[in-house]
Amino acid sequence: MTSSDCAPPTSDSEQARERHRTIEEWPQDRFGVPLSIYRVALWRARTLVGVFLLAGLLAGIAVHSVLGRSYVAEATISPISRGGASVGGALGLLSAASGGAYGANSDSEFEEYTAVLQSERLAQELERQHGVLRIIFSKQWDKASHSWRKPNSLVGTIKESLGITWSPPDSLALAKWLSKNLNMSPHATPDGGLSVLRSQILNVSLRFRSRQEAVMLLRYILVGADDIVRQNQAANVENRIAYLQRNIKSTTDINLADTLRKLLLDQEGTLMSLKADRFYSVAIIDPPHAPHTPVGISLTKILVLSLGLSLFCAAALVLLVLRRRFDLAYGTNFDPLAEPFPNPILACANVLRRSYAPFSRSRKHDNS
């Protein structure tokens, strides 16, 4: 391409002749157009580029509203260690005294605790004690009428069209939310590895849109799961105490009676721990906390990506259409930049005008 190819024409006829001369000299098998004409096409397609940029802006805002930015509250927990005789040890004594009639309790309270963390029973307790459904599903809660309302959103409309009916959030929805947003992972050593000694130390994290509410909800969850395990164990221990007291009164074997009394003392100590200890089934090494910096992609980054992609798509569309018009212009008098390209609004207006013209003429004829 010479410098004369890029020189601005002085009139429309000279501009058209310049384009046709460029078309004849341009290799037909080359995927591209002269830069001078492409710049003119982009300027004429500024409306099209503007439409693409507007669509990219709206799409970026929609993506950010769906993804959003959230905070991650974290806590570190471990199995709790207790001094004194264990239930398993006392049951071992009872098993030896009775010839193996009793077995040791192998249930792990910490394993039960971690299983409860994402259970529906915990969801029921959280709603009963703290009303967390109104916090987590706040967009569906009407504070004025104190009732649930159907969300007016595109997702809800699509679900309705598919026959999926809306129902107010319940404990099952809360349990699903916990399984999705509450995560547990092994605690890492300072060097980044996982040692055997730390294999039972877990990091518990909860993701939520508000930093204060994320910390509050994680605290509710940790305490609520411990209360459930405490209730289960308290019911078992009280039943064991009542059972041991009856057997101590009825037995005539002195050795067995002494073993039952030792087991009774152990169970009473366990009941004391259940009623007095702050946490029964877990030790909170690091209480719930959250950094002030949210996680997720910022709105600025999303908009830059969406606008850049929109601009690229618009420029590519202009290039493809202009290349197609170059192919049509070889050996003809067709102008690649002839209207309505690349003005999509003018093109649509011309189509509507041509479509409406027969009706307009027919109406004028009827009036005459």
Protein backbone atom coordinates (compact mmCIF):
# COMPACT_ATOMS: atom_id res chain seq x y z
CA MET A 1 0.00 0.00 0.00
CA THR A 2 1.46 3.40 -1.04
CA SER A 3 1.19 6.71 0.75
CA SER A 4 -1.31 7.85 -1.87
CA ASP A 5 -3.62 5.02 -0.80
CA CYS A 6 -3.91 6.54 2.66
CA ALA A 7 -4.37 10.15 1.49
CA PRO A 8 -7.83 11.55 2.23
CA PRO A 9 -9.94 12.03 -0.91
CA THR A 10 -11.17 15.48 -1.78
CA SER A 11 -14.68 14.49 -2.95
CA ASP A 12 -17.13 11.60 -2.92
CA SER A 13 -16.35 10.67 -6.53
CA GLU A 14 -12.61 10.72 -5.89
CA GLN A 15 -13.15 8.68 -2.73
CA ALA A 16 -15.15 6.04 -4.64
CA ARG A 17 -12.54 5.91 -7.45
CA GLU A 18 -9.81 5.51 -4.84
CA ARG A 19 -11.64 2.59 -3.24
CA HIS A 20 -12.24 0.83 -6.55
CA ARG A 21 -8.56 1.26 -7.52
CA THR A 22 -7.59 -0.22 -4.15
CA ILE A 23 -9.98 -3.13 -4.63
CA GLU A 24 -8.50 -3.99 -8.03
CA GLU A 25 -4.96 -3.92 -6.62
CA TRP A 26 -5.78 -5.87 -3.42
CA PRO A 27 -5.09 -9.65 -3.52
CA GLN A 28 -8.43 -11.49 -3.55
CA ASP A 29 -7.16 -14.46 -1.52
CA ARG A 30 -5.96 -12.28 1.34
CA PHE A 31 -8.17 -12.14 4.41
CA GLY A 32 -8.19 -8.43 5.08
CA VAL A 33 -8.98 -4.97 3.77
CA PRO A 34 -6.92 -1.81 3.38
CA LEU A 35 -6.39 -0.09 6.69
CA SER A 36 -7.54 3.25 5.30
CA ILE A 37 -10.93 1.83 4.27
CA TYR A 38 -11.23 -0.20 7.48
CA ARG A 39 -10.81 3.00 9.51
CA VAL A 40 -13.58 4.64 7.48
CA ALA A 41 -15.79 1.56 8.00
CA LEU A 42 -15.18 1.61 11.75
CA TRP A 43 -16.10 5.28 11.92
CA ARG A 44 -19.28 4.69 9.93
CA ALA A 45 -20.03 1.71 12.17
CA ARG A 46 -19.72 3.78 15.34
CA THR A 47 -23.39 3.19 16.04
CA LEU A 48 -22.87 -0.55 15.77
CA VAL A 49 -19.80 -0.32 18.02
CA GLY A 50 -21.82 1.73 20.49
CA VAL A 51 -24.57 -0.91 20.54
CA PHE A 52 -22.01 -3.64 21.23
CA LEU A 53 -20.38 -1.59 24.01
CA LEU A 54 -23.76 -0.91 25.61
CA ALA A 55 -24.59 -4.61 25.48
CA GLY A 56 -21.18 -5.41 27.01
CA LEU A 57 -21.75 -2.87 29.78
CA LEU A 58 -25.15 -4.33 30.66
CA ALA A 59 -23.77 -7.88 30.48
CA GLY A 60 -20.87 -6.95 32.79
CA ILE A 61 -23.24 -5.42 35.35
CA ALA A 62 -25.48 -8.51 35.15
CA VAL A 63 -22.52 -10.87 35.64
CA HIS A 64 -21.31 -8.86 38.63
CA SER A 65 -24.78 -8.89 40.19
CA VAL A 66 -24.92 -12.69 39.82
CA LEU A 67 -21.39 -13.39 41.02
CA GLY A 68 -21.04 -10.51 43.42
CA ARG A 69 -18.25 -10.07 45.96
CA SER A 70 -18.28 -11.79 49.31
CA TYR A 71 -16.30 -12.22 52.51
CA VAL A 72 -14.88 -15.46 53.90
CA ALA A 73 -15.06 -16.04 57.66
CA GLU A 74 -12.68 -18.68 59.01
CA ALA A 75 -12.15 -20.62 62.23
CA THR A 76 -9.80 -23.42 63.30
CA ILE A 77 -11.16 -26.36 65.29
CA SER A 78 -9.77 -29.60 66.72
CA PRO A 79 -10.94 -32.57 68.83
CA ILE A 80 -11.21 -31.63 72.48
CA SER A 81 -8.98 -33.39 75.03
CA ARG A 82 -10.25 -34.23 78.49
CA GLY A 83 -8.40 -35.40 81.55
CA GLY A 84 -9.42 -38.27 83.77
CA ALA A 85 -10.78 -41.69 82.98
CA SER A 86 -12.49 -42.15 79.68
CA VAL A 87 -15.80 -43.82 79.02
CA GLY A 88 -14.01 -46.44 76.96
CA GLY A 89 -11.63 -47.19 79.85
CA ALA A 90 -14.47 -47.63 82.30
CA LEU A 91 -16.35 -49.81 79.86
CA GLY A 92 -13.18 -51.85 79.47
CA LEU A 93 -13.15 -52.48 83.20
CA LEU A 94 -16.79 -53.48 83.06
CA SER A 95 -16.10 -55.77 80.12
CA ALA A 96 -13.25 -57.51 81.99
CA ALA A 97 -15.37 -57.93 85.11
CA SER A 98 -18.33 -59.36 83.22
CA GLY A 99 -16.38 -61.59 80.88
CA GLY A 100 -16.66 -59.34 77.82
CA ALA A 101 -20.36 -58.56 78.02
CA TYR A 102 -19.77 -54.86 77.37
CA GLY A 103 -17.84 -53.27 74.54
CA ALA A 104 -16.00 -49.97 74.42
CA ASN A 105 -17.70 -46.95 72.84
CA SER A 106 -15.83 -46.19 69.61
CA ASP A 107 -17.98 -43.28 68.41
CA SER A 108 -15.96 -40.18 67.75
CA GLU A 109 -17.61 -37.02 69.02
CA PHE A 110 -15.47 -34.92 66.71
CA GLU A 111 -16.55 -36.94 63.66
CA GLU A 112 -20.15 -36.54 64.76
CA TYR A 113 -19.56 -32.80 65.14
CA THR A 114 -18.16 -32.40 61.61
CA ALA A 115 -21.08 -34.41 60.20
CA VAL A 116 -23.60 -32.18 62.01
CA LEU A 117 -22.07 -28.99 60.55
CA GLN A 118 -23.93 -29.41 57.25
CA SER A 119 -27.00 -31.28 58.48
CA GLU A 120 -30.66 -30.37 58.24
CA ARG A 121 -31.02 -30.74 62.01
CA LEU A 122 -28.47 -27.95 62.49
CA ALA A 123 -30.38 -25.87 59.96
CA GLN A 124 -33.56 -26.34 61.99
CA GLU A 125 -31.80 -25.29 65.20
CA LEU A 126 -30.23 -22.24 63.56
CA GLU A 127 -33.61 -21.08 62.31
CA ARG A 128 -35.33 -21.80 65.63
CA GLN A 129 -32.75 -19.99 67.76
CA HIS A 130 -31.51 -17.20 65.49
CA GLY A 131 -33.89 -16.91 62.51
CA VAL A 132 -31.03 -17.13 60.02
CA LEU A 133 -33.30 -17.76 57.03
CA ARG A 134 -34.24 -14.06 56.99
CA ILE A 135 -30.53 -13.17 56.97
CA ILE A 136 -29.36 -15.61 54.32
CA PHE A 137 -32.40 -15.30 52.03
CA SER A 138 -32.99 -11.60 52.73
CA LYS A 139 -34.02 -10.83 49.13
CA GLN A 140 -37.08 -13.03 49.59
CA TRP A 141 -38.06 -11.58 53.00
CA ASP A 142 -40.42 -8.62 53.24
CA LYS A 143 -39.59 -6.71 56.42
CA ALA A 144 -42.72 -4.58 56.20
CA SER A 145 -45.18 -7.47 56.14
CA HIS A 146 -42.88 -9.95 57.95
CA SER A 147 -43.55 -12.59 55.32
CA TRP A 148 -41.82 -14.32 52.44
CA ARG A 149 -42.31 -12.96 48.95
CA LYS A 150 -41.70 -14.47 45.54
CA PRO A 151 -38.53 -12.97 43.99
CA ASN A 152 -39.00 -11.01 40.77
CA SER A 153 -35.95 -12.07 38.81
CA LEU A 154 -35.03 -13.53 35.44
CA VAL A 155 -34.00 -16.81 37.08
CA GLY A 156 -37.38 -17.06 38.82
CA THR A 157 -39.20 -16.40 35.57
CA ILE A 158 -37.22 -19.10 33.77
CA LYS A 159 -37.92 -21.59 36.59
CA GLU A 160 -41.62 -20.80 36.40
CA SER A 161 -41.66 -21.37 32.65
CA LEU A 162 -40.05 -24.76 33.26
CA GLY A 163 -42.77 -25.68 35.75
CA ILE A 164 -40.62 -25.25 38.87
CA THR A 165 -42.86 -23.65 41.49
CA TRP A 166 -41.48 -21.27 44.09
CA SER A 167 -41.72 -22.07 47.79
CA PRO A 168 -40.51 -20.10 50.82
CA PRO A 169 -37.04 -21.07 52.10
CA ASP A 170 -37.05 -23.78 54.76
CA SER A 171 -34.56 -25.86 56.75
CA LEU A 172 -33.85 -28.06 53.72
CA ALA A 173 -32.93 -25.01 51.63
CA LEU A 174 -30.73 -23.83 54.49
CA ALA A 175 -29.00 -27.22 54.70
CA LYS A 176 -28.28 -27.07 50.95
CA TRP A 177 -26.92 -23.56 51.40
CA LEU A 178 -24.63 -24.79 54.19
CA SER A 179 -23.31 -27.66 52.07
CA LYS A 180 -22.51 -25.17 49.30
CA ASN A 181 -20.99 -22.30 51.30
CA LEU A 182 -19.50 -24.01 54.38
CA ASN A 183 -16.15 -25.70 53.71
CA MET A 184 -13.80 -27.78 55.87
CA SER A 185 -10.16 -28.43 55.04
CA PRO A 186 -7.17 -29.87 56.96
CA HIS A 187 -5.07 -27.30 58.75
CA ALA A 188 -1.75 -26.73 57.02
CA THR A 189 1.62 -26.53 58.78
CA PRO A 190 3.71 -23.34 58.44
CA ASP A 191 5.78 -24.96 55.68
CA GLY A 192 2.63 -25.63 53.64
CA GLY A 193 2.41 -29.38 54.34
CA LEU A 194 -0.05 -31.49 56.31
CA SER A 195 1.54 -33.31 59.21
CA VAL A 196 0.09 -36.39 60.86
CA LEU A 197 -0.23 -34.59 64.18
CA ARG A 198 -2.34 -31.87 62.55
CA SER A 199 -4.51 -34.21 60.51
CA GLN A 200 -7.50 -33.72 62.86
CA ILE A 201 -7.15 -29.93 63.02
CA LEU A 202 -9.59 -28.41 60.55
CA ASN A 203 -10.13 -24.98 59.04
CA VAL A 204 -13.82 -24.15 58.73
CA SER A 205 -14.75 -21.32 56.37
CA LEU A 206 -18.04 -19.67 55.45
CA ARG A 207 -18.63 -17.40 52.46
CA PHE A 208 -21.21 -14.61 52.71
CA ARG A 209 -21.92 -11.18 51.25
CA SER A 210 -21.41 -9.27 54.52
CA ARG A 211 -18.27 -9.49 56.65
CA GLN A 212 -20.02 -9.01 60.01
CA GLU A 213 -22.81 -11.44 59.13
CA ALA A 214 -20.29 -14.02 57.86
CA VAL A 215 -18.50 -14.02 61.24
CA MET A 216 -21.82 -14.07 63.11
CA LEU A 217 -23.23 -16.96 61.05
CA LEU A 218 -20.05 -19.04 61.43
CA ARG A 219 -20.19 -18.52 65.20
CA TYR A 220 -23.84 -19.62 65.26
CA ILE A 221 -22.94 -22.72 63.21
CA LEU A 222 -20.00 -23.81 65.38
CA VAL A 223 -21.91 -23.35 68.64
CA GLY A 224 -25.11 -24.89 67.25
CA ALA A 225 -23.34 -28.06 66.06
CA ASP A 226 -21.69 -28.46 69.47
CA ASP A 227 -25.08 -28.05 71.19
CA ILE A 228 -26.56 -30.85 69.07
CA VAL A 229 -23.72 -33.24 69.92
CA ARG A 230 -24.04 -32.18 73.56
CA GLN A 231 -27.76 -32.96 73.56
CA ASN A 232 -27.19 -36.38 71.99
CA GLN A 233 -24.48 -37.28 74.50
CA ALA A 234 -26.45 -35.90 77.45
CA ALA A 235 -29.42 -38.12 76.63
CA ASN A 236 -27.13 -41.17 76.37
CA VAL A 237 -25.27 -40.37 79.61
CA GLU A 238 -28.47 -39.81 81.59
CA ASN A 239 -29.80 -43.16 80.36
CA ARG A 240 -26.51 -44.85 81.35
CA ILE A 241 -26.57 -43.29 84.82
CA ALA A 242 -30.14 -44.47 85.42
CA TYR A 243 -29.24 -47.93 84.15
CA LEU A 244 -26.10 -48.17 86.33
CA GLN A 245 -27.94 -47.02 89.44
CA ARG A 246 -30.57 -49.73 88.98
CA ASN A 247 -27.94 -52.45 88.42
CA ILE A 248 -25.84 -51.38 91.42
CA LYS A 249 -28.88 -51.83 93.67
CA SER A 250 -29.82 -55.19 92.19
CA THR A 251 -26.41 -56.90 91.83
CA THR A 252 -25.07 -59.28 94.48
CA ASP A 253 -21.57 -59.57 92.96
CA ILE A 254 -19.24 -57.31 94.98
CA ASN A 255 -16.60 -57.02 92.22
CA LEU A 256 -19.21 -56.20 89.60
CA ALA A 257 -20.80 -53.65 91.92
CA ASP A 258 -17.42 -51.91 92.41
CA THR A 259 -16.88 -51.78 88.65
CA LEU A 260 -20.38 -50.38 88.13
CA ARG A 261 -19.70 -47.66 90.69
CA LYS A 262 -16.48 -46.68 88.89
CA LEU A 263 -18.38 -46.51 85.63
CA LEU A 264 -21.11 -44.48 87.34
CA LEU A 265 -18.52 -41.97 88.60
CA ASP A 266 -17.12 -41.69 85.08
CA GLN A 267 -20.57 -41.08 83.61
CA GLU A 268 -21.35 -38.46 86.25
CA GLY A 269 -18.07 -36.72 85.34
CA THR A 270 -19.09 -36.79 81.69
CA LEU A 271 -22.49 -35.33 82.59
CA MET A 272 -20.73 -32.54 84.48
CA SER A 273 -18.67 -31.74 81.38
CA LEU A 274 -21.81 -31.74 79.28
CA LYS A 275 -23.54 -29.25 81.54
CA ALA A 276 -20.58 -27.03 82.50
CA ASP A 277 -18.05 -26.92 79.66
CA ARG A 278 -18.32 -24.12 77.12
CA PHE A 279 -17.61 -26.54 74.25
CA TYR A 280 -18.07 -30.27 74.66
CA SER A 281 -17.21 -31.94 71.35
CA VAL A 282 -14.74 -29.48 69.82
CA ALA A 283 -11.96 -27.09 70.76
CA ILE A 284 -12.02 -23.69 69.04
CA ILE A 285 -8.33 -22.95 68.42
CA ASP A 286 -8.95 -19.81 66.36
CA PRO A 287 -12.40 -18.19 66.74
CA PRO A 288 -14.38 -16.98 63.70
CA HIS A 289 -12.83 -13.99 61.96
CA ALA A 290 -12.84 -12.48 58.46
CA PRO A 291 -10.47 -10.12 56.63
CA HIS A 292 -11.72 -6.71 55.54
CA THR A 293 -10.87 -7.43 51.90
CA PRO A 294 -13.66 -9.17 49.95
CA VAL A 295 -13.02 -12.03 47.55
CA GLY A 296 -14.20 -12.31 43.96
CA ILE A 297 -13.74 -10.32 40.77
CA SER A 298 -14.30 -6.58 41.14
CA LEU A 299 -16.83 -4.69 39.04
CA THR A 300 -14.02 -2.74 37.34
CA LYS A 301 -12.31 -5.90 36.10
CA ILE A 302 -15.57 -7.41 34.89
CA LEU A 303 -16.47 -4.23 32.99
CA VAL A 304 -13.01 -3.98 31.41
CA LEU A 305 -13.27 -7.60 30.23
CA SER A 306 -16.85 -7.27 28.95
CA LEU A 307 -16.23 -3.95 27.17
CA GLY A 308 -13.00 -5.25 25.63
CA LEU A 309 -14.77 -8.37 24.38
CA SER A 310 -17.64 -6.29 23.00
CA LEU A 311 -15.24 -3.98 21.17
CA PHE A 312 -13.39 -6.95 19.71
CA CYS A 313 -16.65 -8.57 18.52
CA ALA A 314 -17.84 -5.31 16.93
CA ALA A 315 -14.51 -4.76 15.14
CA ALA A 316 -14.47 -8.39 13.96
CA LEU A 317 -18.04 -8.09 12.64
CA VAL A 318 -17.17 -4.92 10.73
CA LEU A 319 -14.09 -6.62 9.28
CA LEU A 320 -16.02 -9.72 8.18
CA VAL A 321 -18.83 -7.76 6.54
CA LEU A 322 -16.40 -5.37 4.87
CA ARG A 323 -14.34 -8.28 3.56
CA ARG A 324 -17.51 -9.82 2.15
CA ARG A 325 -18.32 -6.55 0.40
CA PHE A 326 -14.80 -6.42 -1.01
CA ASP A 327 -15.37 -9.85 -2.53
CA LEU A 328 -18.59 -8.58 -4.12
CA ALA A 329 -16.88 -5.44 -5.42
CA TYR A 330 -14.26 -7.19 -7.58
CA GLY A 331 -14.94 -6.35 -11.24
CA THR A 332 -18.09 -4.34 -10.42
CA ASN A 333 -19.00 -0.79 -9.56
CA PHE A 334 -20.27 -1.82 -6.12
CA ASP A 335 -19.00 0.44 -3.34
CA PRO A 336 -17.97 -1.59 -0.22
CA LEU A 337 -18.98 1.33 2.01
CA ALA A 338 -22.37 1.88 0.39
CA GLU A 339 -25.24 2.48 2.77
CA PRO A 340 -26.81 1.05 4.83
CA PHE A 341 -23.59 -0.68 5.96
CA PRO A 342 -22.23 -0.33 8.46
CA ASN A 343 -25.05 1.54 10.23
CA PRO A 344 -27.38 -1.11 11.74
CA ILE A 345 -29.98 1.39 12.90
CA LEU A 346 -30.25 2.93 9.41
CA ALA A 347 -30.43 -0.56 7.91
CA CYS A 348 -33.32 -1.52 10.22
CA ALA A 349 -35.06 1.77 9.45
CA ASN A 350 -34.78 1.12 5.73
CA VAL A 351 -36.19 -2.39 6.11
CA LEU A 352 -39.13 -1.10 8.16
CA ARG A 353 -39.71 1.71 5.67
CA ARG A 354 -39.81 -0.71 2.74
CA SER A 355 -42.10 -3.06 4.68
CA TYR A 356 -44.49 -0.27 5.61
CA ALA A 357 -44.54 1.35 2.15
CA PRO A 358 -47.14 -1.01 0.54
CA PHE A 359 -49.54 -0.54 3.48
CA SER A 360 -49.06 3.23 3.31
CA ARG A 361 -49.82 3.34 -0.43
CA SER A 362 -52.86 1.10 0.03
CA ARG A 363 -54.17 3.34 2.79
CA LYS A 364 -53.75 6.46 0.67
CA HIS A 365 -55.55 4.74 -2.20
CA ASP A 366 -58.48 3.79 0.05
CA ASN A 367 -58.76 7.35 1.38
CA SER A 368 -58.79 8.76 -2.14
